[in-house]
Amino acid sequence: MEKPIFRIIFHIDLNAFFASCEIARRPELKDVPVAITGEKSSKRGIVTTANYVARKYGVSSAMPLVQAKRKCPNLVVIAANFNLYKQVSRQFLDLLHTYTDQVEKASIDEAYLDVTALFQEGGVHPVQLALQMQQRIFNELKIGCSVGIGPNKFLAKMASDMKKPNGITVLRKRDLPQLLWPRPIEEMFGVGKASAPKLKQLGIQTIGDLVHFHEVERLEWLFGSQALKWIEHARGEDLSIVDPQRYEVPSSIGHSTTFSKDYYFEREIKEEAKKMCLKTANRLKKYGLYAKTVSLQLKDTHFKQMTRSLTVSKPIQHMNELYPLVEGLFDDHWEGQPLRLIGVYTSNLVHTNKTTEPLNLFNYQSFVGEGKIRKTMEEIKNKYGADLIQKGIQKGKKNE
């Protein structure tokens, strides 16, 4: 088959995913305002997500639970069940794979599909195909979704956000002046909360303003290569492919926890750090990965965040290797302030714990561990000669 001169990309986003999973199990909550939180019983709980009924009252993600209940006194609060959400996410991806193997998981509740080949092979029109998928997802998972259709991943992603919930939107390059460019710059996918105010200070209020901003070098100086990517996307250009393997192996692994109260005491904080290290180590083992970089994240009661990292020469995987490094970072950088969050993250991941340092007579002991002395000696003998190193024998005293 010839390489297509166009692409048809879908972005499918499950609506209010965590809340929808709970409502699918408890249909009686369908018309009730529902919020999901990790801290159901805590006054410091935060709304993870809310269904669209709750959103009509002004309840939104990242809102303190106390505030959400003030806005919506009859709000039903449900503690997050991540095992359930992961199971439904797998079912969602399995369903998409019945249409094409060109599926890229973007997060737990969204995915990209390249359906170009389906259209070329005389299949249904893309909008009809989107309707079929949307209906199947609702029938089989009891969850609604929004579908964006575009010639590339960026436009498909932007399109899926334009009609929520349960919308289907086509966004082509010729539609950009009317549908995309008038939108506020903070709604552009890829522009973070920290970058949007800085762009506005430059007079870039909308996505269209970014397209027509002529001081490209100034943008590049302020934001690096990311600025050029923003401009390309705003013009409707995105050559990135739908990559089914993209998230198969994570680029970083870690865990964090938000405390239910202010943590002042070193012992309590370190106990939480140990839990995060254990979870992180278990995930490293699950993927068969080792980490060369370890990071500690702390957030105080004023939500001021601090992250400190270190890189080791020999990659690590186990809890008893990870925690001492995290504890050292904590001891060096915590100044006694009360904390609301602690996180442990690993990155620079590799598939082996072997160091790249060359083996020689003076460093061989650092390579040896738990019954590997004989193997190490053999390696040195093979490299330097059989007579160069021998295992010592302790002689007993002669009888007098």
Protein backbone atom coordinates (compact mmCIF):
# COMPACT_ATOMS: atom_id res chain seq x y z
CA MET A 1 0.00 0.00 0.00
CA GLU A 2 1.30 3.45 -0.87
CA LYS A 3 2.12 5.86 1.92
CA PRO A 4 -0.97 8.05 2.50
CA ILE A 5 -0.75 11.74 1.68
CA PHE A 6 -2.97 12.46 4.72
CA ARG A 7 -3.62 10.97 8.12
CA ILE A 8 -6.79 10.47 10.12
CA ILE A 9 -6.08 10.53 13.85
CA PHE A 10 -8.59 10.01 16.66
CA HIS A 11 -8.15 11.18 20.22
CA ILE A 12 -10.63 9.48 22.55
CA ASP A 13 -11.08 10.89 26.05
CA LEU A 14 -13.28 9.11 28.61
CA ASN A 15 -15.57 11.55 30.41
CA ALA A 16 -14.96 12.25 34.13
CA PHE A 17 -13.25 8.88 34.20
CA PHE A 18 -12.89 8.04 37.90
CA ALA A 19 -16.41 9.23 38.69
CA SER A 20 -17.81 7.43 35.63
CA CYS A 21 -16.21 4.14 36.75
CA GLU A 22 -17.95 4.45 40.12
CA ILE A 23 -21.30 5.38 38.56
CA ALA A 24 -21.04 2.40 36.18
CA ARG A 25 -20.96 0.18 39.26
CA ARG A 26 -23.68 2.16 41.04
CA PRO A 27 -26.18 3.38 38.41
CA GLU A 28 -28.30 5.03 41.11
CA LEU A 29 -25.64 7.79 41.23
CA LYS A 30 -26.17 8.71 37.57
CA ASP A 31 -28.02 11.97 38.27
CA VAL A 32 -26.32 12.69 41.60
CA PRO A 33 -23.31 15.04 42.07
CA VAL A 34 -20.29 12.79 42.67
CA ALA A 35 -16.69 13.62 43.57
CA ILE A 36 -13.71 11.28 43.88
CA THR A 37 -11.04 11.97 46.47
CA GLY A 38 -8.08 10.18 47.95
CA GLU A 39 -8.89 11.55 51.40
CA LYS A 40 -12.58 10.91 51.92
CA SER A 41 -12.58 11.37 55.69
CA SER A 42 -10.10 14.22 55.85
CA LYS A 43 -10.90 17.90 55.98
CA ARG A 44 -7.80 18.39 53.86
CA GLY A 45 -9.05 16.11 51.09
CA ILE A 46 -8.81 17.25 47.48
CA VAL A 47 -11.26 16.54 44.67
CA THR A 48 -9.54 14.28 42.14
CA THR A 49 -12.39 14.48 39.65
CA ALA A 50 -16.12 15.21 39.64
CA ASN A 51 -18.93 14.12 37.38
CA TYR A 52 -20.70 16.66 35.19
CA VAL A 53 -23.63 16.97 37.60
CA ALA A 54 -21.23 18.16 40.30
CA ARG A 55 -19.44 20.45 37.88
CA LYS A 56 -22.67 22.38 37.35
CA TYR A 57 -22.37 23.43 41.00
CA GLY A 58 -18.83 24.66 40.41
CA VAL A 59 -17.02 21.58 41.79
CA SER A 60 -13.76 20.99 39.94
CA SER A 61 -10.57 18.95 40.07
CA ALA A 62 -7.93 19.99 42.65
CA MET A 63 -10.57 21.84 44.72
CA PRO A 64 -10.39 21.30 48.49
CA LEU A 65 -13.15 18.97 49.59
CA VAL A 66 -14.40 21.45 52.19
CA GLN A 67 -14.91 24.07 49.48
CA ALA A 68 -16.59 21.53 47.16
CA LYS A 69 -19.11 20.63 49.87
CA ARG A 70 -19.88 24.29 50.46
CA LYS A 71 -20.67 24.67 46.76
CA CYS A 72 -22.65 21.43 46.65
CA PRO A 73 -23.94 20.30 50.09
CA ASN A 74 -25.45 17.09 48.68
CA LEU A 75 -22.16 16.04 47.05
CA VAL A 76 -21.52 12.28 47.23
CA VAL A 77 -17.84 11.73 48.02
CA ILE A 78 -16.21 8.42 47.08
CA ALA A 79 -12.68 7.32 47.98
CA ALA A 80 -10.58 6.56 44.91
CA ASN A 81 -10.36 2.90 43.83
CA PHE A 82 -7.36 2.81 41.51
CA ASN A 83 -7.49 -0.94 40.99
CA LEU A 84 -10.93 -0.50 39.47
CA TYR A 85 -9.78 2.39 37.27
CA LYS A 86 -6.81 0.42 35.96
CA GLN A 87 -9.06 -2.53 35.14
CA VAL A 88 -11.52 -0.35 33.19
CA SER A 89 -8.62 1.38 31.43
CA ARG A 90 -7.34 -2.00 30.20
CA GLN A 91 -10.82 -2.87 28.94
CA PHE A 92 -10.96 0.47 27.14
CA LEU A 93 -7.65 -0.15 25.35
CA ASP A 94 -8.61 -3.74 24.51
CA LEU A 95 -11.79 -2.45 22.89
CA LEU A 96 -9.84 0.06 20.78
CA HIS A 97 -7.47 -2.68 19.63
CA THR A 98 -10.39 -4.50 18.02
CA TYR A 99 -10.38 -1.71 15.42
CA THR A 100 -6.65 -1.19 14.85
CA ASP A 101 -3.28 -2.02 16.37
CA GLN A 102 -2.25 1.62 15.93
CA VAL A 103 -3.32 2.64 19.43
CA GLU A 104 -1.20 4.82 21.72
CA LYS A 105 -2.17 5.10 25.36
CA ALA A 106 -1.93 8.75 26.36
CA SER A 107 -3.05 8.31 29.98
CA ILE A 108 -5.29 6.08 32.04
CA ASP A 109 -8.40 7.52 30.37
CA GLU A 110 -7.34 8.63 26.89
CA ALA A 111 -5.74 7.26 23.74
CA TYR A 112 -4.75 8.16 20.19
CA LEU A 113 -5.63 5.99 17.21
CA ASP A 114 -4.35 6.18 13.65
CA VAL A 115 -7.31 5.01 11.54
CA THR A 116 -5.93 6.14 8.18
CA ALA A 117 -5.65 2.57 6.89
CA LEU A 118 -9.25 1.79 7.85
CA PHE A 119 -10.49 4.67 5.71
CA GLN A 120 -8.20 3.76 2.79
CA GLU A 121 -9.44 0.18 2.81
CA GLY A 122 -12.97 1.36 2.05
CA GLY A 123 -14.21 1.42 5.60
CA VAL A 124 -16.82 3.69 7.11
CA HIS A 125 -16.52 7.46 7.14
CA PRO A 126 -14.35 8.68 10.10
CA VAL A 127 -17.30 10.37 11.80
CA GLN A 128 -19.39 7.20 11.49
CA LEU A 129 -16.48 5.18 12.86
CA ALA A 130 -16.19 7.56 15.81
CA LEU A 131 -19.91 7.16 16.49
CA GLN A 132 -19.54 3.37 16.46
CA MET A 133 -16.63 3.48 18.92
CA GLN A 134 -18.40 5.95 21.17
CA GLN A 135 -21.51 3.76 21.29
CA ARG A 136 -19.53 0.58 21.96
CA ILE A 137 -17.60 2.21 24.78
CA PHE A 138 -20.86 3.30 26.38
CA ASN A 139 -22.59 -0.05 25.86
CA GLU A 140 -19.71 -2.18 27.12
CA LEU A 141 -18.10 0.05 29.76
CA LYS A 142 -21.08 2.26 30.67
CA ILE A 143 -18.84 5.31 30.25
CA GLY A 144 -19.26 8.24 27.88
CA CYS A 145 -16.40 9.68 25.83
CA SER A 146 -15.48 12.59 23.62
CA VAL A 147 -13.76 12.00 20.28
CA GLY A 148 -11.53 14.41 18.41
CA ILE A 149 -10.72 13.79 14.75
CA GLY A 150 -7.85 15.55 12.98
CA PRO A 151 -4.97 15.15 10.53
CA ASN A 152 -2.48 14.86 13.42
CA LYS A 153 -2.30 14.12 17.12
CA PHE A 154 -2.30 17.73 18.31
CA LEU A 155 -5.42 18.74 16.38
CA ALA A 156 -7.19 15.53 17.40
CA LYS A 157 -6.40 16.26 21.06
CA MET A 158 -7.63 19.85 20.81
CA ALA A 159 -10.77 18.67 19.01
CA SER A 160 -11.71 16.18 21.72
CA ASP A 161 -11.77 19.01 24.28
CA MET A 162 -14.13 21.18 22.25
CA LYS A 163 -17.37 19.27 22.87
CA LYS A 164 -17.65 17.67 26.29
CA PRO A 165 -19.21 15.45 27.34
CA ASN A 166 -19.94 12.93 24.59
CA GLY A 167 -19.00 15.12 21.65
CA ILE A 168 -17.44 14.27 18.29
CA THR A 169 -15.44 17.10 16.71
CA VAL A 170 -13.54 17.27 13.43
CA LEU A 171 -10.72 19.84 13.36
CA ARG A 172 -9.00 20.37 9.99
CA LYS A 173 -6.34 22.90 9.12
CA ARG A 174 -8.83 25.02 7.22
CA ASP A 175 -10.92 25.25 10.40
CA LEU A 176 -8.14 26.74 12.52
CA PRO A 177 -8.93 30.48 12.10
CA GLN A 178 -12.52 29.94 13.23
CA LEU A 179 -12.28 27.07 15.73
CA LEU A 180 -8.77 27.04 17.21
CA TRP A 181 -7.11 30.44 17.01
CA PRO A 182 -9.74 32.41 19.00
CA ARG A 183 -9.29 30.10 22.02
CA PRO A 184 -7.36 31.39 25.08
CA ILE A 185 -3.69 30.48 25.10
CA GLU A 186 -4.07 28.56 28.39
CA GLU A 187 -6.38 26.09 26.63
CA MET A 188 -3.67 25.05 24.19
CA PHE A 189 -2.42 21.53 24.85
CA GLY A 190 1.23 21.67 25.89
CA VAL A 191 1.12 25.17 27.39
CA GLY A 192 1.40 24.72 31.14
CA LYS A 193 0.00 26.79 33.97
CA ALA A 194 3.35 28.45 34.54
CA SER A 195 3.91 29.32 30.87
CA ALA A 196 0.49 30.81 30.07
CA PRO A 197 0.87 33.95 32.27
CA LYS A 198 4.32 34.61 30.80
CA LEU A 199 2.94 34.34 27.27
CA LYS A 200 0.15 36.74 28.18
CA GLN A 201 2.71 39.26 29.42
CA LEU A 202 4.08 39.22 25.87
CA GLY A 203 0.62 40.01 24.51
CA ILE A 204 -0.15 36.44 23.48
CA GLN A 205 -3.71 36.10 24.76
CA THR A 206 -5.01 33.57 22.24
CA ILE A 207 -3.63 30.70 20.18
CA GLY A 208 -3.99 32.94 17.13
CA ASP A 209 -1.76 35.55 18.77
CA LEU A 210 0.94 32.90 19.04
CA VAL A 211 0.62 32.11 15.32
CA HIS A 212 1.10 35.76 14.40
CA PHE A 213 3.79 36.60 16.97
CA HIS A 214 6.85 37.71 15.01
CA GLU A 215 9.51 37.79 17.75
CA VAL A 216 10.22 34.08 17.48
CA GLU A 217 13.78 34.42 18.79
CA ARG A 218 12.48 36.11 21.93
CA LEU A 219 10.08 33.23 22.52
CA GLU A 220 12.86 30.73 21.96
CA TRP A 221 15.12 32.59 24.40
CA LEU A 222 12.38 32.55 27.07
CA PHE A 223 10.99 29.05 26.57
CA GLY A 224 13.66 27.13 24.65
CA SER A 225 12.84 24.70 21.87
CA GLN A 226 9.37 24.24 23.34
CA ALA A 227 8.41 27.63 21.86
CA LEU A 228 9.00 26.41 18.30
CA LYS A 229 6.86 23.35 18.99
CA TRP A 230 4.04 25.57 20.26
CA ILE A 231 4.15 27.66 17.11
CA GLU A 232 4.09 24.59 14.86
CA HIS A 233 1.14 23.16 16.74
CA ALA A 234 -0.75 26.44 16.67
CA ARG A 235 -0.35 26.39 12.89
CA GLY A 236 -1.81 22.89 12.83
CA GLU A 237 1.50 21.13 12.18
CA ASP A 238 2.44 17.96 14.07
CA LEU A 239 4.47 15.15 12.52
CA SER A 240 4.58 12.93 15.62
CA ILE A 241 3.28 9.43 14.97
CA VAL A 242 0.84 7.30 16.92
CA ASP A 243 3.29 5.04 18.74
CA PRO A 244 1.77 1.90 20.30
CA GLN A 245 4.98 1.27 22.26
CA ARG A 246 5.44 4.77 23.63
CA TYR A 247 4.31 4.12 27.19
CA GLU A 248 5.00 0.42 27.39
CA VAL A 249 8.13 1.05 29.45
CA PRO A 250 7.97 4.10 31.73
CA SER A 251 10.67 6.79 31.55
CA SER A 252 10.36 7.45 35.28
CA ILE A 253 8.85 5.64 38.25
CA GLY A 254 7.84 7.11 41.56
CA HIS A 255 5.16 7.69 44.16
CA SER A 256 4.03 10.59 46.30
CA THR A 257 1.55 11.03 49.12
CA THR A 258 -0.36 14.05 50.41
CA PHE A 259 -0.59 13.98 54.18
CA SER A 260 -3.97 14.13 55.90
CA LYS A 261 -2.47 16.66 58.35
CA ASP A 262 0.64 18.78 58.66
CA TYR A 263 3.65 16.54 59.37
CA TYR A 264 6.19 18.14 61.71
CA PHE A 265 8.14 15.19 63.05
CA GLU A 266 11.11 13.64 61.28
CA ARG A 267 10.17 10.11 62.29
CA GLU A 268 6.67 10.36 60.79
CA ILE A 269 7.93 11.90 57.56
CA LYS A 270 10.62 9.27 57.14
CA GLU A 271 8.08 6.49 57.68
CA GLU A 272 6.05 7.90 54.79
CA ALA A 273 9.24 8.17 52.72
CA LYS A 274 9.91 4.47 53.35
CA LYS A 275 6.44 3.59 52.09
CA MET A 276 7.04 5.61 48.91
CA CYS A 277 10.42 3.91 48.44
CA LEU A 278 8.86 0.46 48.83
CA LYS A 279 6.15 1.21 46.26
CA THR A 280 8.72 2.63 43.87
CA ALA A 281 11.06 -0.34 44.30
CA ASN A 282 8.20 -2.76 43.67
CA ARG A 283 7.34 -1.02 40.40
CA LEU A 284 10.99 -1.01 39.31
CA LYS A 285 11.05 -4.78 39.86
CA LYS A 286 7.77 -5.19 37.99
CA TYR A 287 9.25 -3.59 34.87
CA GLY A 288 12.70 -5.12 35.35
CA LEU A 289 14.27 -1.65 35.51
CA TYR A 290 17.08 -0.06 37.51
CA ALA A 291 17.43 3.63 38.34
CA LYS A 292 20.49 5.82 38.06
CA THR A 293 18.81 9.02 39.30
CA VAL A 294 16.81 9.36 42.54
CA SER A 295 14.71 12.41 43.38
CA LEU A 296 13.02 13.58 46.57
CA GLN A 297 10.04 15.93 46.38
CA LEU A 298 8.79 17.92 49.37
CA LYS A 299 5.86 20.34 49.56
CA ASP A 300 5.26 22.52 52.63
CA THR A 301 1.99 23.83 54.07
CA HIS A 302 2.20 26.90 51.79
CA PHE A 303 2.42 24.54 48.77
CA LYS A 304 6.01 25.62 48.12
CA GLN A 305 7.70 22.69 46.40
CA MET A 306 11.32 21.57 46.58
CA THR A 307 12.89 18.76 44.53
CA ARG A 308 16.40 17.44 45.03
CA SER A 309 18.10 14.70 43.01
CA LEU A 310 21.27 12.66 42.88
CA THR A 311 22.74 10.27 40.32
CA VAL A 312 24.58 7.10 41.26
CA SER A 313 27.24 5.25 39.28
CA LYS A 314 25.66 1.83 39.78
CA PRO A 315 21.93 1.59 38.96
CA ILE A 316 19.67 0.53 41.83
CA GLN A 317 16.35 -1.27 42.18
CA HIS A 318 15.83 -2.52 45.72
CA MET A 319 14.29 -0.80 48.72
CA ASN A 320 17.47 -1.17 50.81
CA GLU A 321 19.40 0.69 48.09
CA LEU A 322 16.79 3.37 47.44
CA TYR A 323 15.80 4.44 50.94
CA PRO A 324 19.31 5.39 52.22
CA LEU A 325 19.70 7.74 49.26
CA VAL A 326 16.29 9.31 49.87
CA GLU A 327 17.00 9.61 53.59
CA GLY A 328 20.30 11.34 52.81
CA LEU A 329 18.59 13.84 50.52
CA PHE A 330 15.99 14.49 53.21
CA ASP A 331 18.58 15.00 55.97
CA ASP A 332 20.58 17.38 53.78
CA HIS A 333 17.70 19.55 52.59
CA TRP A 334 14.76 19.47 55.03
CA GLU A 335 14.86 22.55 57.27
CA GLY A 336 12.24 21.49 59.78
CA GLN A 337 9.21 23.12 58.14
CA PRO A 338 5.87 21.26 58.35
CA LEU A 339 5.13 19.25 55.22
CA ARG A 340 1.99 18.39 53.25
CA LEU A 341 3.52 16.06 50.65
CA ILE A 342 6.50 13.82 50.12
CA GLY A 343 7.40 12.07 46.88
CA VAL A 344 10.11 9.67 45.75
CA TYR A 345 10.93 9.40 42.05
CA THR A 346 13.45 7.49 39.98
CA SER A 347 14.55 8.28 36.45
CA ASN A 348 17.39 7.62 34.01
CA LEU A 349 16.11 4.04 33.97
CA VAL A 350 18.05 1.15 32.46
CA HIS A 351 17.55 -2.61 32.08
CA THR A 352 20.69 -3.68 33.93
CA ASN A 353 22.41 -2.80 37.17
CA LYS A 354 25.86 -3.37 35.71
CA THR A 355 28.10 -0.34 35.93
CA THR A 356 29.86 0.97 32.85
CA GLU A 357 33.11 1.39 34.80
CA PRO A 358 35.79 -0.90 33.31
CA LEU A 359 36.89 -3.85 35.42
CA ASN A 360 40.46 -3.76 36.76
CA LEU A 361 42.64 -5.00 39.61
CA PHE A 362 41.87 -2.03 41.83
CA ASN A 363 38.07 -1.83 41.57
CA TYR A 364 37.03 -5.46 41.24
CA GLN A 365 35.83 -5.69 44.86
CA SER A 366 33.14 -3.08 44.21
CA PHE A 367 31.64 -5.39 41.59
CA VAL A 368 31.43 -8.35 43.92
CA GLY A 369 28.36 -9.20 45.89
CA GLU A 370 26.64 -12.20 47.41
CA GLY A 371 28.53 -15.20 46.06
CA LYS A 372 30.00 -13.65 42.89
CA ILE A 373 33.65 -13.53 43.99
CA ARG A 374 34.63 -16.62 42.00
CA LYS A 375 33.00 -15.29 38.80
CA THR A 376 34.74 -11.93 39.20
CA MET A 377 38.13 -13.55 39.69
CA GLU A 378 37.61 -15.59 36.53
CA GLU A 379 36.90 -12.42 34.57
CA ILE A 380 40.11 -10.83 35.82
CA LYS A 381 42.12 -13.95 35.05
CA ASN A 382 40.73 -14.10 31.52
CA LYS A 383 41.64 -10.47 30.97
CA TYR A 384 45.04 -10.25 32.71
CA GLY A 385 46.32 -13.83 32.93
CA ALA A 386 45.80 -16.82 35.16
CA ASP A 387 48.81 -16.16 37.41
CA LEU A 388 48.04 -12.52 38.16
CA ILE A 389 45.47 -13.03 40.90
CA GLN A 390 44.84 -15.96 43.22
CA LYS A 391 42.62 -16.50 46.18
CA GLY A 392 44.54 -16.26 49.46
CA ILE A 393 44.66 -19.18 51.90
CA GLN A 394 44.96 -18.58 55.61
CA LYS A 395 47.32 -21.08 57.19
CA GLY A 396 46.88 -22.28 60.70
CA LYS A 397 49.61 -22.12 63.29
CA LYS A 398 52.06 -24.95 63.44
CA ASN A 399 51.90 -27.18 66.44
CA GLU A 400 54.62 -26.32 68.84
